[in-house]
Amino acid sequence: MMMSKSTLIKDTTMEERMEIIRKWIPEDEAMDGCDIDLWEFYDDYIKGKKEIAECNAAFAGYDAANP
């Protein structure tokens, strides 16, 4: 069984984090009309400031760092 590469900041470069987000953006028009810009949404992850889970929790209104 092949293990997935970690997406944690400590295990990735900025370029790898950008590629992770790029893979999540649909190639078709599935997000047209959506107010979410994934590049902006995950900017802190890309820059190494917050993990993906923290970005997702912030969107949901939950502070993952202080449960």
N, C-alpha and C. Protein backbone atom coordinates (compact mmCIF):
# COMPACT_ATOMS: atom_id res chain seq x y z
N MET A 1 0.85 -1.18 0.00
CA MET A 1 0.00 0.00 0.00
C MET A 1 0.89 1.24 0.00
N MET A 2 0.57 2.19 -0.86
CA MET A 2 1.37 3.42 -0.98
C MET A 2 0.87 4.45 0.03
N MET A 3 1.80 5.02 0.77
CA MET A 3 1.45 6.02 1.77
C MET A 3 1.45 7.40 1.12
N SER A 4 0.51 8.24 1.53
CA SER A 4 0.46 9.61 1.04
C SER A 4 1.55 10.43 1.70
N LYS A 5 2.09 11.37 0.96
CA LYS A 5 3.08 12.28 1.52
C LYS A 5 2.37 13.24 2.46
N SER A 6 3.01 13.54 3.53
CA SER A 6 2.46 14.47 4.52
C SER A 6 2.25 15.84 3.88
N THR A 7 1.17 16.50 4.28
CA THR A 7 0.91 17.86 3.81
C THR A 7 1.23 18.88 4.90
N LEU A 8 1.81 18.43 6.01
CA LEU A 8 2.16 19.35 7.09
C LEU A 8 3.22 20.34 6.62
N ILE A 9 3.16 21.53 7.17
CA ILE A 9 4.12 22.58 6.80
C ILE A 9 5.56 22.11 6.99
N LYS A 10 5.82 21.42 8.08
CA LYS A 10 7.19 20.99 8.37
C LYS A 10 7.71 19.96 7.36
N ASP A 11 6.80 19.32 6.63
CA ASP A 11 7.18 18.28 5.67
C ASP A 11 7.11 18.73 4.22
N THR A 12 6.79 20.01 3.98
CA THR A 12 6.61 20.49 2.61
C THR A 12 7.33 21.81 2.38
N THR A 13 7.64 22.06 1.13
CA THR A 13 8.18 23.36 0.74
C THR A 13 7.01 24.23 0.29
N MET A 14 7.25 25.51 0.15
CA MET A 14 6.20 26.40 -0.34
C MET A 14 5.72 25.94 -1.71
N GLU A 15 6.62 25.52 -2.58
CA GLU A 15 6.25 25.07 -3.91
C GLU A 15 5.35 23.83 -3.83
N GLU A 16 5.65 22.91 -2.92
CA GLU A 16 4.82 21.72 -2.75
C GLU A 16 3.44 22.10 -2.22
N ARG A 17 3.38 23.05 -1.30
CA ARG A 17 2.08 23.49 -0.77
C ARG A 17 1.25 24.14 -1.87
N MET A 18 1.88 24.91 -2.73
CA MET A 18 1.17 25.52 -3.85
C MET A 18 0.62 24.44 -4.78
N GLU A 19 1.39 23.41 -5.03
CA GLU A 19 0.95 22.31 -5.89
C GLU A 19 -0.23 21.56 -5.26
N ILE A 20 -0.20 21.39 -3.94
CA ILE A 20 -1.32 20.73 -3.25
C ILE A 20 -2.60 21.51 -3.49
N ILE A 21 -2.57 22.81 -3.31
CA ILE A 21 -3.76 23.65 -3.51
C ILE A 21 -4.16 23.64 -4.99
N ARG A 22 -3.19 23.71 -5.87
CA ARG A 22 -3.47 23.70 -7.32
C ARG A 22 -4.26 22.45 -7.70
N LYS A 23 -3.93 21.31 -7.09
CA LYS A 23 -4.62 20.05 -7.40
C LYS A 23 -6.07 20.09 -6.92
N TRP A 24 -6.38 20.91 -5.94
CA TRP A 24 -7.74 20.99 -5.41
C TRP A 24 -8.64 21.88 -6.24
N ILE A 25 -8.08 22.70 -7.10
CA ILE A 25 -8.88 23.62 -7.91
C ILE A 25 -9.40 22.86 -9.13
N PRO A 26 -10.72 22.78 -9.26
CA PRO A 26 -11.29 22.05 -10.40
C PRO A 26 -10.88 22.67 -11.72
N GLU A 27 -10.65 21.82 -12.71
CA GLU A 27 -10.28 22.30 -14.04
C GLU A 27 -11.48 22.82 -14.80
N ASP A 28 -12.66 22.32 -14.42
CA ASP A 28 -13.87 22.80 -15.11
C ASP A 28 -14.40 24.04 -14.40
N GLU A 29 -15.61 24.37 -14.64
CA GLU A 29 -16.19 25.58 -14.07
C GLU A 29 -17.00 25.28 -12.81
N ALA A 30 -16.63 24.24 -12.10
CA ALA A 30 -17.39 23.80 -10.93
C ALA A 30 -17.48 24.87 -9.83
N MET A 31 -16.50 25.76 -9.76
CA MET A 31 -16.51 26.76 -8.70
C MET A 31 -16.95 28.13 -9.20
N ASP A 32 -17.39 28.21 -10.43
CA ASP A 32 -17.90 29.49 -10.94
C ASP A 32 -19.08 29.93 -10.09
N GLY A 33 -19.12 31.18 -9.75
CA GLY A 33 -20.20 31.71 -8.92
C GLY A 33 -19.99 31.49 -7.44
N CYS A 34 -18.91 30.82 -7.09
CA CYS A 34 -18.58 30.56 -5.68
C CYS A 34 -17.73 31.72 -5.16
N ASP A 35 -18.00 32.14 -3.95
CA ASP A 35 -17.27 33.27 -3.39
C ASP A 35 -15.93 32.88 -2.76
N ILE A 36 -15.57 31.62 -2.82
CA ILE A 36 -14.34 31.16 -2.19
C ILE A 36 -13.20 31.14 -3.21
N ASP A 37 -12.13 31.85 -2.89
CA ASP A 37 -10.90 31.83 -3.68
C ASP A 37 -9.93 30.95 -2.91
N LEU A 38 -9.68 29.73 -3.41
CA LEU A 38 -8.83 28.79 -2.67
C LEU A 38 -7.43 29.32 -2.44
N TRP A 39 -6.91 30.12 -3.38
CA TRP A 39 -5.57 30.69 -3.19
C TRP A 39 -5.57 31.62 -1.99
N GLU A 40 -6.59 32.44 -1.86
CA GLU A 40 -6.68 33.35 -0.72
C GLU A 40 -6.99 32.59 0.57
N PHE A 41 -7.90 31.64 0.46
CA PHE A 41 -8.32 30.85 1.61
C PHE A 41 -7.14 30.11 2.26
N TYR A 42 -6.27 29.53 1.44
CA TYR A 42 -5.13 28.76 1.94
C TYR A 42 -3.81 29.54 1.90
N ASP A 43 -3.86 30.84 1.78
CA ASP A 43 -2.65 31.66 1.71
C ASP A 43 -1.75 31.46 2.93
N ASP A 44 -2.34 31.41 4.12
CA ASP A 44 -1.53 31.19 5.33
C ASP A 44 -0.87 29.82 5.33
N TYR A 45 -1.53 28.82 4.76
CA TYR A 45 -0.92 27.50 4.64
C TYR A 45 0.25 27.56 3.65
N ILE A 46 0.01 28.15 2.51
CA ILE A 46 1.06 28.24 1.49
C ILE A 46 2.28 28.96 2.04
N LYS A 47 2.06 30.02 2.81
CA LYS A 47 3.17 30.79 3.39
C LYS A 47 3.77 30.14 4.64
N GLY A 48 3.20 29.02 5.08
CA GLY A 48 3.75 28.30 6.23
C GLY A 48 3.32 28.86 7.58
N LYS A 49 2.21 29.59 7.62
CA LYS A 49 1.75 30.20 8.87
C LYS A 49 0.72 29.35 9.60
N LYS A 50 -0.12 28.63 8.85
CA LYS A 50 -1.17 27.79 9.43
C LYS A 50 -1.25 26.48 8.66
N GLU A 51 -1.59 25.40 9.39
CA GLU A 51 -1.79 24.12 8.74
C GLU A 51 -3.14 24.12 8.01
N ILE A 52 -3.34 23.17 7.12
CA ILE A 52 -4.60 23.06 6.39
C ILE A 52 -5.77 22.97 7.35
N ALA A 53 -5.63 22.16 8.39
CA ALA A 53 -6.72 21.99 9.36
C ALA A 53 -7.08 23.31 10.04
N GLU A 54 -6.09 24.15 10.29
CA GLU A 54 -6.36 25.44 10.91
C GLU A 54 -7.10 26.37 9.95
N CYS A 55 -6.75 26.33 8.68
CA CYS A 55 -7.45 27.14 7.68
C CYS A 55 -8.90 26.68 7.56
N ASN A 56 -9.09 25.36 7.52
CA ASN A 56 -10.44 24.82 7.42
C ASN A 56 -11.26 25.16 8.66
N ALA A 57 -10.65 25.05 9.83
CA ALA A 57 -11.35 25.35 11.08
C ALA A 57 -11.74 26.83 11.15
N ALA A 58 -10.86 27.70 10.67
CA ALA A 58 -11.15 29.13 10.68
C ALA A 58 -12.38 29.42 9.81
N PHE A 59 -12.48 28.72 8.69
CA PHE A 59 -13.63 28.89 7.81
C PHE A 59 -14.91 28.45 8.51
N ALA A 60 -14.80 27.37 9.29
CA ALA A 60 -15.97 26.83 10.01
C ALA A 60 -16.25 27.60 11.29
N GLY A 61 -15.36 28.56 11.66
CA GLY A 61 -15.56 29.33 12.87
C GLY A 61 -15.08 28.62 14.11
N TYR A 62 -14.16 27.66 13.96
CA TYR A 62 -13.63 26.87 15.08
C TYR A 62 -12.14 27.13 15.19
N ASP A 63 -11.67 27.39 16.40
CA ASP A 63 -10.25 27.66 16.62
C ASP A 63 -9.53 26.34 16.91
N ALA A 64 -8.90 25.76 15.91
CA ALA A 64 -8.23 24.46 16.05
C ALA A 64 -7.06 24.52 17.03
N ALA A 65 -6.45 25.68 17.15
CA ALA A 65 -5.31 25.83 18.06
C ALA A 65 -5.75 25.85 19.52
N ASN A 66 -7.00 26.20 19.76
CA ASN A 66 -7.52 26.30 21.13
C ASN A 66 -8.89 25.63 21.23
N PRO A 67 -8.93 24.30 21.15
CA PRO A 67 -10.24 23.59 21.14
C PRO A 67 -11.01 23.77 22.43
